[in-house]
């Protein structure tokens, strides 16, 4: 679509919305301080869609004390909402501003700019702005500098500084200057200023933000790719409204028209985030092709951003992802923690698994173990557990740290450790007992503070690891605690946890100071399990035992009112008839056939995870010979399926045949 056509469509959109949302000027008197200000409601239909004549009237009317950042409502509540700014917007504003404000300030030599460089807080900047008649670039630099100060502050400091900004007596005057200088601003200054205001929490429906949005609409066809990307970053975090919606539509048309000429990778990624959601497949294919044509320009940060962009958009392009991952694998030592963690999170969102990437990250983190904090290491372990990958070297190194300093761990740390090590069924071999004792002793200090659900979760994880801390179990199995858990709606996870704890206490037979068990009254209230026959296994299993008079097949068997077995093959000794799976004849062999999705084992290995590992342990204790049939084993034709099952279930016959 040509730029001329884009311009025609934008003009049509503006005429359409102008008729539906006529601009009406309103003022809001300041009669008290920030906290006690009297605020009058603004109808949501108020927008700045006026003609050139209306814009002229606007500039003439900017007199008197008005709250140009008010939108009608409780400003204190707005502040509370806006102090928690999206981390993506904080990070993205840093990316798009990195070559803007600092460069402008370096090359400018005006007295105002020299003083601006000496300011140490946003309040200092507001104090300075009232002493000068500002140009458009100086207004933009001031807004950008205010936001630069804010984004460098801690989460505790930022709310207080934002409140000081909104209570500052010069804020309204400064926003008046911003609106007056708008017509003299460069395109980049307009978009940078809008991004800074949105980042600082200036309400979207305020007069100053709406006026800047109107200016963006009028100049859209003259924006370069940098201005377009900054504007896209703003719109990505703004609420839907007639003004914003029209600008998004115009931006999409402008980007599609200029897509072949875009040369900046970061700008393309920001535009992809905005355009992808509602774009037709034809535009998505153009964006993907454009990104693939620029892969030779990808720096390591570009590769990281492209992966996070694909994860945000739920868009997976195998060739694009491969290029980015290859870049990251070659530069692991140059990637900071946050970006490296985000890459792994993105792999999880896109269900992408790369053994060499996971192993590379694990080896890199374990080789630089001392440079990471406990929190960072646990974040790595947690995301690896979510990816079903067992980082052996990292888990062994962290276990040593736990054994050395267990008291340095918080309750949240301990619960995370239990989740990771039980989920991945990680065996520390000769250090296993020492590690688990260290974790349970550290957890004992938190027992008085733990509610019923937390106690149940911790006990469940310990039981999966075949470890039974007496103090934890005794507190969990108190009548009052079990009643507390039952009073709340039991989720399926909590039911599974209670059943697992009960089975572990009965089947693993731990050496406890006194016998413990889950009361029968609690178990009776749990939902009964009614399994169905597995259609992937059933035909082949039936064909496998056909003609074998000494073998009986039972399907969809429930053992101990919990474990579902896809099939149980009971093979009686010679000269004896078969009996049931629950009560086999003396000397009979029982084979428990279990179908397991690939996600039930650790990625890149055959090590069973979590509940599957516990299930196999308990089946052996009950006298079964468990046979695990993996999902990939059944991705073949009927003859090959038969051969696979025969080899797994009757290995001795297979060896005799060969």
Foldseek 3Di string as FASTA:
>chain_A
DALVVLVVLLVVLLVVLCVVQPADDDFADADDFLQPGDFAADDQSHFPSDDPVVLVVVLVPPDDDGDLLDHGDRVVVLLVVQLPFDPVLLVVLCVLCVCPLVVVLVPDDDPLSVVLVVDDALLSLLVSVVVDLDALQSLLSSLLSNLVNLSPDDSVPNSVRLVCLSRDPSNRVSLSSNSNNVVVHDLQSLLSNLSSCVNSSRDCNGNSNSSSLNVCSVCVSVDDLSSLLSNLSNLLPHDDDSSSVSSLVSSLVNCLNCVVVDDDLSSLLSNCLSQVQPHDPVVVVSSVVSNVVNLVVDALVSLLSNLLSCLSSLHDDPVSVVSSLVNCLVPVVPDDLVSLLSNLVSCLSNVHDDPSSLQSNLVVCLVVVVVDDLVSLLSNLQSLLSNLADSPSSLLVVLVVCLVCVLVDDLVSLLSNLCSCQQQVDDPPPCLVSSVVSSLVNCVVCVVVDAQVSLLSNQLSCLSNVHHDQVSQVVNQDPVRLVVQVVDDDDPVSLLSLLSSQLSLVLVVDPDPDRDHRDPVSNVPDDFDDDDADPLCVVLVVVLCVPVQQWDKDAQDDDPRHDTFRIKIKGDPPPDHFDDPVDTDPPIAIEGEHEDEPSQHRPPDRHGGRPVSSVCVRCVSVRHHYFYDYPVQSPDDSVSNNVSVCCRPVVVVVVVVD
